[in-house]
Amino acid sequence: MAKLLQISPLALNDIDRKVLEVAVNLLTDEGITCSLLPADVPNGHLLVINHDSEEGRKFLSEAQERQVKLLLTSEPIKGKNIVCVERPIRVAELADVLTRICLRIKVRMASMKLAGRTGDAESAPRSGSSTTKDSPPETAADTTANADAPPPAPPSAASDRDDDGPELFRKLLDAKLQQRALAVHGKNETLLLVGGHNNSVATKDQLSIQQLVQTPARDIFVENIETGEFDELSKMMTLSALDNLLWLAGVEFSHGRLLPGHDMEKPVKLKAWPNFTRNGFRHSQFKLAASMASKPVSLTELANNTGVPIEEVIDFYNAAYAVGLIDQQAAPQAGKQKQKPVPSSRRGLIGMIARKLGLG
């Protein structure tokens, strides 16, 4: 049975302690299991420290390097495994930050379990145990909250929001284009890992990608991880092609929004036929592919010619571009356009002039 992720409240005043308790309860309600250790016991996977107090700064200086430190402070600082929340402390803000950190720690715990390295490394340090720099808690290794990753939307978020979908698709595509690695989290678990550096996706089982597609985009957030961390975590996971995920994400999450920098009126052409057998298809996509494969056509013209709604045209185009099937240089060059035939009367006149000049 998995051990609870333990949080150490250090040098907190009564108000900070109460805010932390409420935030932890919110996480528990969302299925992210964690527990608070007694006050000033610095043995948890995560240390929540009042950095504005002398006692808190002492706890920070004595903390193990590989423990994650969440500082409640009026003067943010930088450092390895250090995350700062500026005062005044609000429950919602603290809960969002805790969610990001705790999910990251749980990813590490799960990966170590998969690798067969559980035991003491998976277990949270016991309340009465001593802590030394020679015996850091393994589950907190190299764990930070990524400032670029948006926190998950609170439960009260509007259900009809669709602006998170295109953003999620762009992040997956950027990972491929920039050869970066990502961890994709749902509300209560890590859904999959994306390896843009080796064009692969690591999943815990065959249902993970389907689960991602079926999860509302507002309940998903993406975190940058090191490519080396992807390589390590994916050893005990199932690998599949990144393009399969990108196709599904383009179709399901674009919501009719064209990728930035692309033009509705620029003629484009398919380089090759999409792999509908593996990725599935709708009849409308078959019509779009047939039209785009025959000749260059703009997206606006494509919608008009096929009768497919423009939103579906854009979704199809985004997905095809993401997997490298779009030829954006397909428009005929102006200098290579077919010339109009010269009238016969003009041909006779031109021939006579040429003969007089000795060119005939």
Protein backbone atom coordinates (compact mmCIF):
# COMPACT_ATOMS: atom_id res chain seq x y z
CA MET A 1 0.00 0.00 0.00
CA ALA A 2 1.32 3.45 -0.93
CA LYS A 3 2.47 5.63 1.93
CA LEU A 4 0.96 9.03 2.57
CA LEU A 5 2.91 12.01 1.37
CA GLN A 6 3.85 13.85 4.55
CA ILE A 7 4.08 17.63 5.00
CA SER A 8 6.06 19.32 7.77
CA PRO A 9 4.75 22.68 9.08
CA LEU A 10 7.79 24.56 10.39
CA ALA A 11 7.80 27.79 12.44
CA LEU A 12 4.26 28.62 11.30
CA ASN A 13 2.12 31.03 13.26
CA ASP A 14 -1.50 30.16 14.09
CA ILE A 15 -2.91 31.82 10.96
CA ASP A 16 -0.39 30.18 8.59
CA ARG A 17 -1.02 26.82 10.22
CA LYS A 18 -4.79 27.16 9.79
CA VAL A 19 -4.44 28.20 6.12
CA LEU A 20 -2.17 25.21 5.51
CA GLU A 21 -4.64 22.83 7.18
CA VAL A 22 -7.51 24.06 5.01
CA ALA A 23 -5.37 23.82 1.85
CA VAL A 24 -4.34 20.25 2.69
CA ASN A 25 -8.00 19.34 3.30
CA LEU A 26 -8.84 20.69 -0.18
CA LEU A 27 -6.16 18.45 -1.70
CA THR A 28 -7.54 15.46 0.20
CA ASP A 29 -11.05 16.21 -1.07
CA GLU A 30 -9.65 16.13 -4.63
CA GLY A 31 -8.07 12.72 -4.02
CA ILE A 32 -4.47 13.86 -3.47
CA THR A 33 -3.70 12.03 -0.25
CA CYS A 34 -1.27 13.74 2.12
CA SER A 35 -1.01 14.40 5.84
CA LEU A 36 0.43 17.02 8.18
CA LEU A 37 3.12 16.05 10.67
CA PRO A 38 3.16 17.67 14.12
CA ALA A 39 4.46 21.23 14.24
CA ASP A 40 8.23 21.72 13.79
CA VAL A 41 9.02 18.10 12.92
CA PRO A 42 11.24 18.51 9.81
CA ASN A 43 10.91 14.94 8.48
CA GLY A 44 8.26 15.26 5.78
CA HIS A 45 8.61 14.93 2.04
CA LEU A 46 7.60 18.61 1.83
CA LEU A 47 8.62 21.32 4.30
CA VAL A 48 6.31 24.34 4.61
CA ILE A 49 8.41 27.02 6.31
CA ASN A 50 7.70 30.50 7.66
CA HIS A 51 10.76 32.13 6.14
CA ASP A 52 10.01 35.52 7.72
CA SER A 53 10.98 34.22 11.15
CA GLU A 54 14.46 33.51 12.47
CA GLU A 55 13.38 30.02 13.51
CA GLY A 56 12.06 29.35 10.00
CA ARG A 57 15.31 30.46 8.38
CA LYS A 58 17.14 28.09 10.69
CA PHE A 59 14.91 25.20 9.60
CA LEU A 60 15.71 26.08 5.99
CA SER A 61 19.46 26.09 6.60
CA GLU A 62 19.26 22.67 8.28
CA ALA A 63 16.93 21.08 5.72
CA GLN A 64 18.17 18.29 3.50
CA GLU A 65 19.09 19.44 0.03
CA ARG A 66 16.75 16.97 -1.67
CA GLN A 67 13.72 17.88 0.43
CA VAL A 68 11.24 20.25 -1.18
CA LYS A 69 10.93 23.56 0.69
CA LEU A 70 7.81 25.70 0.32
CA LEU A 71 8.58 29.10 1.82
CA LEU A 72 5.88 31.45 3.07
CA THR A 73 7.73 34.73 2.76
CA SER A 74 7.53 38.44 2.05
CA GLU A 75 10.96 38.28 0.34
CA PRO A 76 11.10 35.43 -2.21
CA ILE A 77 14.44 33.71 -2.73
CA LYS A 78 15.76 31.23 -5.29
CA GLY A 79 17.37 27.88 -4.72
CA LYS A 80 17.26 24.20 -5.54
CA ASN A 81 13.98 22.56 -4.50
CA ILE A 82 12.72 25.89 -3.14
CA VAL A 83 9.28 27.29 -3.99
CA CYS A 84 8.09 30.61 -2.59
CA VAL A 85 4.58 31.88 -1.89
CA GLU A 86 4.43 35.58 -1.11
CA ARG A 87 2.41 36.93 1.76
CA PRO A 88 -0.44 37.42 2.40
CA ILE A 89 -1.13 33.69 2.17
CA ARG A 90 -4.46 32.72 0.58
CA VAL A 91 -5.96 29.25 0.80
CA ALA A 92 -6.71 28.89 -2.94
CA GLU A 93 -3.22 29.99 -3.97
CA LEU A 94 -1.55 27.71 -1.45
CA ALA A 95 -3.74 24.76 -2.49
CA ASP A 96 -2.77 25.26 -6.16
CA VAL A 97 0.94 25.32 -5.35
CA LEU A 98 0.64 22.29 -3.05
CA THR A 99 -1.18 20.39 -5.79
CA ARG A 100 1.65 20.94 -8.27
CA ILE A 101 4.34 19.99 -5.78
CA CYS A 102 2.55 16.94 -4.38
CA LEU A 103 1.74 15.52 -7.80
CA ARG A 104 5.38 15.89 -8.80
CA ILE A 105 6.53 14.07 -5.67
CA LYS A 106 3.98 11.33 -6.30
CA VAL A 107 5.33 10.90 -9.84
CA ARG A 108 8.74 10.22 -8.34
CA MET A 109 7.30 7.82 -5.77
CA ALA A 110 5.36 5.91 -8.43
CA SER A 111 8.38 5.68 -10.75
CA MET A 112 10.53 4.29 -7.96
CA LYS A 113 7.87 1.73 -7.16
CA LEU A 114 7.78 0.67 -10.82
CA ALA A 115 11.54 0.34 -10.79
CA GLY A 116 11.40 -1.90 -7.72
CA ARG A 117 13.16 0.61 -5.50
CA THR A 118 10.45 1.03 -2.86
CA GLY A 119 11.17 0.23 0.77
CA ASP A 120 12.44 3.15 2.80
CA ALA A 121 12.77 5.34 -0.28
CA GLU A 122 9.03 5.19 -0.91
CA SER A 123 8.01 5.54 2.70
CA ALA A 124 7.71 8.91 4.32
CA PRO A 125 10.23 9.54 7.12
CA ARG A 126 8.86 8.61 10.51
CA SER A 127 7.93 11.41 12.85
CA GLY A 128 10.47 10.47 15.44
CA SER A 129 13.35 9.64 13.14
CA SER A 130 16.47 11.75 12.87
CA THR A 131 17.41 13.53 9.67
CA THR A 132 20.91 13.94 8.33
CA LYS A 133 22.37 15.17 5.06
CA ASP A 134 23.61 11.63 4.40
CA SER A 135 20.10 10.13 4.31
CA PRO A 136 17.81 12.36 2.24
CA PRO A 137 14.24 11.27 1.47
CA GLU A 138 14.49 9.77 -2.01
CA THR A 139 10.95 10.65 -3.07
CA ALA A 140 11.69 14.36 -3.01
CA ALA A 141 14.64 14.10 -5.38
CA ASP A 142 15.05 17.06 -7.70
CA THR A 143 11.45 18.12 -7.16
CA THR A 144 10.38 21.68 -7.94
CA ALA A 145 7.15 23.39 -8.86
CA ASN A 146 7.46 24.55 -12.45
CA ALA A 147 6.55 28.22 -12.72
CA ASP A 148 5.67 27.78 -16.41
CA ALA A 149 3.13 25.06 -15.78
CA PRO A 150 -0.36 26.40 -15.09
CA PRO A 151 -2.00 25.07 -11.92
CA PRO A 152 -5.14 22.99 -12.39
CA ALA A 153 -8.34 25.00 -12.45
CA PRO A 154 -10.22 25.09 -9.14
CA PRO A 155 -13.36 22.95 -8.86
CA SER A 156 -15.54 26.03 -9.35
CA ALA A 157 -14.15 26.74 -12.83
CA ALA A 158 -16.79 27.14 -15.52
CA SER A 159 -17.47 23.85 -17.28
CA ASP A 160 -17.90 25.44 -20.69
CA ARG A 161 -14.39 26.91 -20.92
CA ASP A 162 -12.52 25.71 -24.00
CA ASP A 163 -9.50 28.01 -24.01
CA ASP A 164 -7.39 25.42 -22.17
CA GLY A 165 -7.74 22.87 -24.99
CA PRO A 166 -5.80 24.72 -27.71
CA GLU A 167 -3.17 25.70 -25.13
CA LEU A 168 -2.73 22.05 -24.12
CA PHE A 169 -2.36 20.99 -27.77
CA ARG A 170 0.24 23.71 -28.41
CA LYS A 171 2.29 22.60 -25.40
CA LEU A 172 2.36 19.02 -26.66
CA LEU A 173 3.36 20.21 -30.14
CA ASP A 174 6.03 22.56 -28.74
CA ALA A 175 7.56 19.62 -26.86
CA LYS A 176 8.08 17.88 -30.21
CA LEU A 177 9.35 20.96 -32.05
CA GLN A 178 11.70 22.00 -29.22
CA GLN A 179 12.65 18.43 -28.25
CA ARG A 180 11.60 18.87 -24.62
CA ALA A 181 10.06 16.47 -22.11
CA LEU A 182 6.78 16.95 -20.25
CA ALA A 183 4.73 15.32 -17.50
CA VAL A 184 0.98 15.57 -18.13
CA HIS A 185 -1.11 15.48 -14.95
CA GLY A 186 -4.81 14.97 -14.39
CA LYS A 187 -6.57 16.02 -11.22
CA ASN A 188 -5.29 13.18 -9.08
CA GLU A 189 -2.60 11.41 -11.07
CA THR A 190 0.02 11.65 -13.77
CA LEU A 191 -1.58 10.57 -17.05
CA LEU A 192 1.51 10.27 -19.21
CA LEU A 193 5.01 11.53 -20.01
CA VAL A 194 5.92 13.16 -23.32
CA GLY A 195 9.41 12.78 -24.81
CA GLY A 196 9.83 15.38 -27.53
CA HIS A 197 13.54 14.52 -27.72
CA ASN A 198 12.84 10.94 -28.85
CA ASN A 199 9.30 11.36 -30.28
CA SER A 200 7.69 9.02 -27.78
CA VAL A 201 5.00 8.91 -25.12
CA ALA A 202 5.35 6.90 -21.91
CA THR A 203 2.16 5.57 -20.32
CA LYS A 204 1.40 3.31 -17.40
CA ASP A 205 -1.16 1.30 -19.41
CA GLN A 206 -2.96 1.26 -22.75
CA LEU A 207 -5.84 3.38 -21.45
CA SER A 208 -3.74 6.41 -20.49
CA ILE A 209 -3.96 8.24 -23.83
CA GLN A 210 -7.70 7.52 -24.10
CA GLN A 211 -8.09 8.80 -20.55
CA LEU A 212 -6.26 12.00 -21.49
CA VAL A 213 -8.54 12.61 -24.47
CA GLN A 214 -11.63 12.04 -22.33
CA THR A 215 -10.45 14.36 -19.51
CA PRO A 216 -11.61 18.01 -19.76
CA ALA A 217 -8.64 20.18 -20.69
CA ARG A 218 -9.33 22.45 -17.71
CA ASP A 219 -8.49 19.49 -15.42
CA ILE A 220 -5.10 18.86 -17.05
CA PHE A 221 -1.85 20.69 -16.44
CA VAL A 222 1.55 20.19 -18.00
CA GLU A 223 4.93 20.35 -16.32
CA ASN A 224 8.39 20.54 -17.91
CA ILE A 225 10.76 17.78 -16.85
CA GLU A 226 14.33 16.98 -17.82
CA THR A 227 14.83 14.64 -20.76
CA GLY A 228 17.01 12.47 -18.55
CA GLU A 229 14.18 12.20 -16.06
CA PHE A 230 11.85 11.07 -18.87
CA ASP A 231 14.37 8.42 -19.91
CA GLU A 232 14.61 7.14 -16.34
CA LEU A 233 10.89 7.18 -15.54
CA SER A 234 9.88 5.58 -18.84
CA LYS A 235 12.00 2.45 -18.37
CA MET A 236 9.16 0.61 -16.65
CA MET A 237 6.37 2.17 -18.74
CA THR A 238 4.83 1.50 -22.14
CA LEU A 239 6.20 3.59 -25.02
CA SER A 240 4.25 4.67 -28.09
CA ALA A 241 4.74 7.17 -30.93
CA LEU A 242 4.31 10.84 -30.04
CA ASP A 243 2.62 11.50 -33.41
CA ASN A 244 -0.33 9.30 -32.41
CA LEU A 245 -0.95 11.51 -29.38
CA LEU A 246 -0.44 14.71 -31.36
CA TRP A 247 -3.01 13.67 -33.96
CA LEU A 248 -5.63 12.93 -31.29
CA ALA A 249 -4.79 16.11 -29.38
CA GLY A 250 -5.04 18.21 -32.54
CA VAL A 251 -8.46 16.80 -33.39
CA GLU A 252 -9.86 16.78 -29.84
CA PHE A 253 -8.33 19.91 -28.28
CA SER A 254 -7.98 22.47 -31.10
CA HIS A 255 -11.61 23.63 -30.71
CA GLY A 256 -11.52 25.26 -34.14
CA ARG A 257 -8.58 27.54 -33.31
CA LEU A 258 -5.85 27.69 -35.93
CA LEU A 259 -2.26 27.34 -34.73
CA PRO A 260 -0.51 30.73 -34.32
CA GLY A 261 1.39 31.85 -37.42
CA HIS A 262 -0.77 29.88 -39.85
CA ASP A 263 -3.01 31.44 -42.50
CA MET A 264 -6.57 30.50 -43.43
CA GLU A 265 -6.08 31.80 -46.98
CA LYS A 266 -2.71 30.27 -47.84
CA PRO A 267 -2.93 27.24 -50.17
CA VAL A 268 -1.56 24.06 -48.58
CA LYS A 269 -1.37 20.41 -49.60
CA LEU A 270 -1.08 17.03 -47.91
CA LYS A 271 2.34 15.41 -48.25
CA ALA A 272 0.98 11.94 -47.51
CA TRP A 273 -2.24 10.19 -46.52
CA PRO A 274 -2.98 10.25 -42.73
CA ASN A 275 -2.78 6.97 -40.83
CA PHE A 276 -6.51 6.67 -40.31
CA THR A 277 -6.24 2.97 -39.49
CA ARG A 278 -4.29 3.67 -36.31
CA ASN A 279 -5.68 7.05 -35.32
CA GLY A 280 -9.30 6.56 -36.29
CA PHE A 281 -11.19 8.92 -38.55
CA ARG A 282 -14.49 10.57 -39.28
CA HIS A 283 -16.07 10.62 -42.73
CA SER A 284 -15.50 14.38 -42.91
CA GLN A 285 -11.75 13.87 -42.39
CA PHE A 286 -11.64 11.44 -45.30
CA LYS A 287 -13.23 14.12 -47.53
CA LEU A 288 -10.73 16.73 -46.33
CA ALA A 289 -7.76 14.45 -46.92
CA ALA A 290 -8.94 13.58 -50.45
CA SER A 291 -9.32 17.26 -51.35
CA MET A 292 -6.01 18.36 -49.82
CA ALA A 293 -4.09 15.51 -51.45
CA SER A 294 -5.22 16.37 -54.97
CA LYS A 295 -4.10 20.00 -55.18
CA PRO A 296 -3.10 23.01 -53.02
CA VAL A 297 -6.12 24.62 -51.39
CA SER A 298 -6.68 27.19 -48.63
CA LEU A 299 -8.59 26.21 -45.50
CA THR A 300 -11.39 28.60 -46.38
CA GLU A 301 -11.72 27.06 -49.84
CA LEU A 302 -11.51 23.59 -48.32
CA ALA A 303 -14.51 24.27 -46.11
CA ASN A 304 -16.48 25.72 -49.02
CA ASN A 305 -15.60 22.90 -51.43
CA THR A 306 -16.32 20.02 -49.05
CA GLY A 307 -19.15 21.42 -46.95
CA VAL A 308 -17.25 20.49 -43.77
CA PRO A 309 -17.63 23.08 -40.96
CA ILE A 310 -14.61 25.38 -40.75
CA GLU A 311 -13.96 24.32 -37.12
CA GLU A 312 -13.49 20.70 -38.22
CA VAL A 313 -11.29 21.83 -41.10
CA ILE A 314 -9.03 23.68 -38.66
CA ASP A 315 -8.91 20.74 -36.24
CA PHE A 316 -7.91 18.41 -39.10
CA TYR A 317 -5.29 20.85 -40.38
CA ASN A 318 -3.76 21.33 -36.90
CA ALA A 319 -3.52 17.57 -36.38
CA ALA A 320 -2.02 16.99 -39.84
CA TYR A 321 0.52 19.77 -39.34
CA ALA A 322 1.52 18.38 -35.93
CA VAL A 323 2.44 15.02 -37.46
CA GLY A 324 4.32 16.57 -40.39
CA LEU A 325 1.80 15.96 -43.19
CA ILE A 326 1.31 19.56 -44.38
CA ASP A 327 3.22 21.03 -47.33
CA GLN A 328 3.10 24.79 -46.78
CA GLN A 329 5.11 25.52 -49.94
CA ALA A 330 2.61 23.85 -52.23
CA ALA A 331 1.25 26.98 -53.94
CA PRO A 332 2.32 27.34 -57.61
CA GLN A 333 5.15 29.83 -58.14
CA ALA A 334 4.19 32.95 -60.05
CA GLY A 335 6.97 32.45 -62.62
CA LYS A 336 5.84 28.89 -63.35
CA GLN A 337 2.20 29.63 -64.06
CA LYS A 338 0.87 28.43 -67.38
CA GLN A 339 1.03 31.17 -69.99
CA LYS A 340 -2.02 32.14 -72.01
CA PRO A 341 -1.83 31.21 -75.73
CA VAL A 342 -0.82 34.05 -78.09
CA PRO A 343 -3.53 34.89 -80.66
CA SER A 344 -2.70 33.71 -84.22
CA SER A 345 -2.61 37.26 -85.62
CA ARG A 346 0.03 38.22 -83.08
CA ARG A 347 2.02 35.06 -83.78
CA GLY A 348 2.21 36.03 -87.47
CA LEU A 349 3.37 39.54 -86.69
CA ILE A 350 5.99 38.32 -84.23
CA GLY A 351 7.27 35.80 -86.79
CA MET A 352 7.66 38.47 -89.49
CA ILE A 353 9.61 40.77 -87.15
CA ALA A 354 11.85 37.89 -86.11
CA ARG A 355 12.66 37.03 -89.77
CA LYS A 356 13.55 40.64 -90.59
CA LEU A 357 15.94 40.71 -87.63
CA GLY A 358 17.54 37.50 -88.77
CA LEU A 359 16.17 35.53 -85.84
CA GLY A 360 13.66 33.42 -87.78
